[in-house]
Amino acid sequence: MIFQFKGKKYCGASAVEIVQALESDAENYPHRGQSVRQFLAWSLERLGHRLPPRDLDLSDRLEDDALALSYLYLRDEYGAGKLLTEPHV
């Protein structure tokens, strides 16, 4: 799985791995190494101007990987990155 943002490609075997890589590159993120959900909430808050309010809520019913994958699809859909399912040469 590959996610491209600001000219950089983030690769991982799972959506959580890609989200963790995004977290490590996130400027001003105050909670490095905390839960994936904490980063997603922080990131969605910053993307709020690009996303509908209904998409800003994190479900308690989803596992972290499903939530991370939904986050990546959401960013792709609203132009805040590009999710690639296959490597492009």
Protein backbone atom coordinates (compact mmCIF):
# COMPACT_ATOMS: atom_id res chain seq x y z
CA MET A 1 0.00 0.00 0.00
CA ILE A 2 1.29 3.47 -0.88
CA PHE A 3 0.05 6.91 0.12
CA GLN A 4 1.48 9.96 -1.59
CA PHE A 5 1.40 13.40 0.04
CA LYS A 6 3.36 16.55 -0.81
CA GLY A 7 5.58 14.64 -3.22
CA LYS A 8 6.57 11.99 -0.69
CA LYS A 9 5.51 8.34 -0.87
CA TYR A 10 4.62 6.52 2.33
CA CYS A 11 4.73 2.73 1.97
CA GLY A 12 3.49 0.13 4.39
CA ALA A 13 2.02 -3.33 4.69
CA SER A 14 -1.00 -1.83 6.46
CA ALA A 15 -2.84 1.45 6.72
CA VAL A 16 -1.67 1.81 10.33
CA GLU A 17 1.97 1.69 9.19
CA ILE A 18 1.31 4.48 6.70
CA VAL A 19 -0.51 6.57 9.29
CA GLN A 20 2.41 6.09 11.70
CA ALA A 21 4.80 7.31 8.99
CA LEU A 22 2.57 10.34 8.39
CA GLU A 23 2.63 10.98 12.13
CA SER A 24 6.43 10.94 12.22
CA ASP A 25 6.51 13.61 9.49
CA ALA A 26 3.68 15.75 10.87
CA GLU A 27 4.85 19.19 11.90
CA ASN A 28 3.73 20.43 15.29
CA TYR A 29 2.19 17.10 16.34
CA PRO A 30 2.52 17.16 20.14
CA HIS A 31 1.81 13.50 20.97
CA ARG A 32 4.36 11.43 19.01
CA GLY A 33 4.18 7.73 19.71
CA GLN A 34 0.70 7.87 21.25
CA SER A 35 -2.31 6.02 19.85
CA VAL A 36 -3.20 5.99 16.15
CA ARG A 37 -6.64 7.38 17.06
CA GLN A 38 -5.07 10.36 18.79
CA PHE A 39 -3.08 11.23 15.67
CA LEU A 40 -6.11 10.72 13.42
CA ALA A 41 -8.22 13.05 15.58
CA TRP A 42 -5.47 15.70 15.52
CA SER A 43 -4.98 15.34 11.75
CA LEU A 44 -8.71 15.43 10.95
CA GLU A 45 -9.06 18.59 13.02
CA ARG A 46 -6.42 20.24 10.81
CA LEU A 47 -8.13 18.99 7.65
CA GLY A 48 -11.53 20.18 8.86
CA HIS A 49 -11.62 23.03 6.35
CA ARG A 50 -11.43 20.46 3.51
CA LEU A 51 -13.78 17.80 4.89
CA PRO A 52 -17.50 17.68 5.65
CA PRO A 53 -18.21 17.71 9.42
CA ARG A 54 -19.80 14.22 9.27
CA ASP A 55 -16.42 12.80 8.20
CA LEU A 56 -14.53 14.22 11.16
CA ASP A 57 -15.91 11.77 13.73
CA LEU A 58 -13.82 8.71 14.65
CA SER A 59 -15.88 5.56 15.16
CA ASP A 60 -15.32 3.61 18.36
CA ARG A 61 -16.60 0.51 16.56
CA LEU A 62 -13.74 0.20 14.05
CA GLU A 63 -10.39 -1.44 14.68
CA ASP A 64 -7.34 0.80 14.25
CA ASP A 65 -6.41 -0.59 10.83
CA ALA A 66 -9.94 -0.14 9.42
CA LEU A 67 -10.04 3.37 10.85
CA ALA A 68 -6.61 4.20 9.40
CA LEU A 69 -7.65 2.87 5.99
CA SER A 70 -10.84 4.94 6.07
CA TYR A 71 -8.74 7.99 6.94
CA LEU A 72 -6.45 7.41 3.94
CA TYR A 73 -9.42 6.92 1.59
CA LEU A 74 -11.00 10.09 2.97
CA ARG A 75 -7.84 12.10 2.38
CA ASP A 76 -7.61 10.70 -1.15
CA GLU A 77 -11.24 11.56 -1.88
CA TYR A 78 -10.86 15.17 -0.73
CA GLY A 79 -7.49 15.84 -2.35
CA ALA A 80 -5.33 15.72 0.77
CA GLY A 81 -3.10 12.98 -0.60
CA LYS A 82 -3.32 10.08 -3.03
CA LEU A 83 -3.84 6.44 -2.07
CA LEU A 84 -2.21 4.03 -4.50
CA THR A 85 -3.06 0.36 -4.20
CA GLU A 86 -0.27 -0.79 -6.50
CA PRO A 87 3.25 0.54 -6.95
CA HIS A 88 3.45 2.87 -9.95
CA VAL A 89 6.74 3.04 -11.78
